[in-house]
């Protein structure tokens, strides 16, 4: 399980860095973007493996961690939070759920399509709520939290 966890973290980090490159994030932010995406996916993956909640709950928790790191890095590094959240959300997006919803509709398996579509919609809403919950917190909280932190701009 540990080897698989490390592999999941490495792949999610690389995928997030690739998307930050695709979205033209500043070069000195690639690693930080990768960390946000990796952390969100790690929380999702660990919850799914250890506690076996629904994918909706695990996605919500992953989105909260992702958004917290996004806010912390954006305040500490004086960078807009969109730089981190845009690429960092990539590992959590329910792309397979969207694919299978359309696939089931195409092959006329309407009950399966409806079930998969509802589950995918729940996951997407959970991710959005997790992000909104954290982004609604005042930036002052993160400034107070980071006082004395060693995360510096350009480091």
Protein backbone atom coordinates (compact mmCIF):
# COMPACT_ATOMS: atom_id res chain seq x y z
CA UNK A 1 0.00 0.00 0.00
CA UNK A 2 2.87 2.39 0.75
CA UNK A 3 4.45 1.86 -2.66
CA UNK A 4 1.10 2.45 -4.36
CA UNK A 5 0.56 5.60 -2.27
CA UNK A 6 3.97 6.97 -3.26
CA UNK A 7 3.25 6.15 -6.91
CA UNK A 8 -0.13 7.91 -6.69
CA UNK A 9 1.53 10.99 -5.17
CA UNK A 10 4.29 11.10 -7.79
CA UNK A 11 1.87 10.73 -10.69
CA UNK A 12 -0.53 13.36 -9.32
CA UNK A 13 2.40 15.74 -8.75
CA UNK A 14 3.68 15.28 -12.31
CA UNK A 15 0.17 15.63 -13.78
CA UNK A 16 -0.45 18.82 -11.84
CA UNK A 17 2.90 20.30 -12.88
CA UNK A 18 2.06 19.40 -16.49
CA UNK A 19 -1.25 21.23 -16.22
CA UNK A 20 0.41 24.25 -14.60
CA UNK A 21 2.75 24.31 -17.60
CA UNK A 22 -0.25 24.04 -19.94
CA UNK A 23 -2.04 26.89 -18.12
CA UNK A 24 1.07 29.11 -18.29
CA UNK A 25 1.69 29.36 -14.56
CA UNK A 26 4.89 31.21 -13.65
CA UNK A 27 7.88 28.85 -13.82
CA UNK A 28 8.85 29.43 -10.20
CA UNK A 29 5.39 28.19 -9.12
CA UNK A 30 5.43 24.77 -10.82
CA UNK A 31 6.58 22.89 -7.73
CA UNK A 32 4.04 24.64 -5.52
CA UNK A 33 1.25 23.88 -8.00
CA UNK A 34 2.36 20.25 -7.99
CA UNK A 35 2.30 20.12 -4.21
CA UNK A 36 -1.28 21.42 -4.07
CA UNK A 37 -2.54 18.88 -6.59
CA UNK A 38 -0.60 16.07 -4.96
CA UNK A 39 -1.91 16.91 -1.49
CA UNK A 40 -5.53 17.05 -2.63
CA UNK A 41 -5.20 13.72 -4.42
CA UNK A 42 -3.32 12.13 -1.51
CA UNK A 43 -6.15 12.99 0.89
CA UNK A 44 -8.73 11.66 -1.57
CA UNK A 45 -6.78 8.46 -2.19
CA UNK A 46 -6.04 7.79 1.49
CA UNK A 47 -9.67 8.28 2.46
CA UNK A 48 -10.83 5.96 -0.30
CA UNK A 49 -8.30 3.27 0.71
CA UNK A 50 -8.39 3.46 4.49
CA UNK A 51 -11.86 4.66 5.48
CA UNK A 52 -13.79 3.78 2.30
CA UNK A 53 -16.20 6.73 2.35
CA UNK A 54 -18.18 7.65 -0.70
CA UNK A 55 -16.18 9.32 -3.48
CA UNK A 56 -18.22 12.45 -2.74
CA UNK A 57 -16.91 12.71 0.83
CA UNK A 58 -13.34 11.95 -0.20
CA UNK A 59 -13.53 14.54 -3.01
CA UNK A 60 -14.83 17.15 -0.56
CA UNK A 61 -11.96 16.46 1.86
CA UNK A 62 -9.41 16.56 -0.96
CA UNK A 63 -10.83 19.85 -2.21
CA UNK A 64 -10.66 21.38 1.28
CA UNK A 65 -6.98 20.41 1.63
CA UNK A 66 -6.27 21.64 -1.89
CA UNK A 67 -7.96 24.98 -1.21
CA UNK A 68 -6.19 25.39 2.15
CA UNK A 69 -2.79 24.88 0.54
CA UNK A 70 -3.80 27.20 -2.28
CA UNK A 71 -4.64 29.97 0.18
CA UNK A 72 -1.49 29.38 2.23
CA UNK A 73 0.80 29.42 -0.82
CA UNK A 74 -0.93 32.41 -2.38
CA UNK A 75 -0.53 34.49 0.77
CA UNK A 76 3.01 33.29 1.55
CA UNK A 77 4.30 33.67 -2.00
CA UNK A 78 2.23 36.75 -2.93
CA UNK A 79 0.73 35.02 -5.95
CA UNK A 80 -2.93 34.89 -7.02
CA UNK A 81 -4.63 31.77 -5.71
CA UNK A 82 -5.89 30.98 -9.22
CA UNK A 83 -2.34 29.98 -10.17
CA UNK A 84 -2.45 27.08 -7.72
CA UNK A 85 -6.11 26.10 -7.79
CA UNK A 86 -6.44 25.96 -11.57
CA UNK A 87 -3.78 23.29 -11.96
CA UNK A 88 -4.20 21.74 -8.52
CA UNK A 89 -7.81 20.77 -9.03
CA UNK A 90 -6.94 18.58 -12.03
CA UNK A 91 -6.43 15.28 -10.14
CA UNK A 92 -9.80 15.60 -8.38
CA UNK A 93 -11.94 16.39 -11.43
CA UNK A 94 -14.32 13.46 -12.10
CA UNK A 95 -13.41 13.06 -15.76
CA UNK A 96 -14.01 9.30 -15.84
CA UNK A 97 -17.49 9.82 -14.40
CA UNK A 98 -18.34 12.28 -17.15
CA UNK A 99 -16.94 9.91 -19.77
CA UNK A 100 -18.94 6.93 -18.51
CA UNK A 101 -22.12 8.99 -18.25
CA UNK A 102 -21.90 9.87 -21.93
CA UNK A 103 -20.78 6.35 -22.85
CA UNK A 104 -23.79 4.77 -21.13
CA UNK A 105 -26.14 7.19 -22.87
CA UNK A 106 -24.61 6.38 -26.25
CA UNK A 107 -25.03 2.63 -25.80
CA UNK A 108 -28.60 3.14 -24.49
CA UNK A 109 -27.94 2.08 -20.89
CA UNK A 110 -29.99 4.95 -19.52
CA UNK A 111 -30.28 3.73 -15.91
CA UNK A 112 -26.51 3.36 -15.58
CA UNK A 113 -26.00 6.71 -17.30
CA UNK A 114 -28.36 8.42 -14.89
CA UNK A 115 -26.73 6.82 -11.84
CA UNK A 116 -23.20 7.69 -13.02
CA UNK A 117 -24.29 11.21 -13.98
CA UNK A 118 -25.81 11.88 -10.56
CA UNK A 119 -22.72 10.53 -8.80
CA UNK A 120 -20.47 12.69 -11.00
CA UNK A 121 -22.59 15.76 -10.31
CA UNK A 122 -22.40 15.10 -6.56
CA UNK A 123 -18.61 14.85 -6.76
CA UNK A 124 -18.37 18.09 -8.75
CA UNK A 125 -20.60 19.91 -6.25
CA UNK A 126 -18.57 18.52 -3.33
CA UNK A 127 -15.35 19.80 -4.90
CA UNK A 128 -16.90 23.22 -5.49
CA UNK A 129 -18.22 23.41 -1.93
CA UNK A 130 -14.86 22.40 -0.48
CA UNK A 131 -13.13 25.16 -2.41
CA UNK A 132 -15.76 27.79 -1.62
CA UNK A 133 -15.68 26.88 2.07
CA UNK A 134 -11.96 27.64 2.30
CA UNK A 135 -11.96 30.62 -0.06
CA UNK A 136 -14.67 32.23 2.08
CA UNK A 137 -12.22 32.43 4.99
CA UNK A 138 -10.66 35.88 5.39
CA UNK A 139 -7.12 36.25 4.04
CA UNK A 140 -6.15 37.79 7.39
CA UNK A 141 -6.36 34.32 8.97
CA UNK A 142 -3.73 33.03 6.58
CA UNK A 143 -1.51 36.08 7.17
CA UNK A 144 -1.66 35.38 10.91
CA UNK A 145 -1.03 31.67 10.35
CA UNK A 146 2.02 32.35 8.19
CA UNK A 147 3.68 34.83 10.50
CA UNK A 148 7.11 33.35 11.06
CA UNK A 149 6.72 30.75 8.32
CA UNK A 150 9.70 29.90 6.13
CA UNK A 151 7.69 29.80 2.87
CA UNK A 152 9.13 32.87 1.17
CA UNK A 153 8.50 34.47 -2.19
CA UNK A 154 10.86 33.09 -4.79
CA UNK A 155 12.17 30.32 -2.53
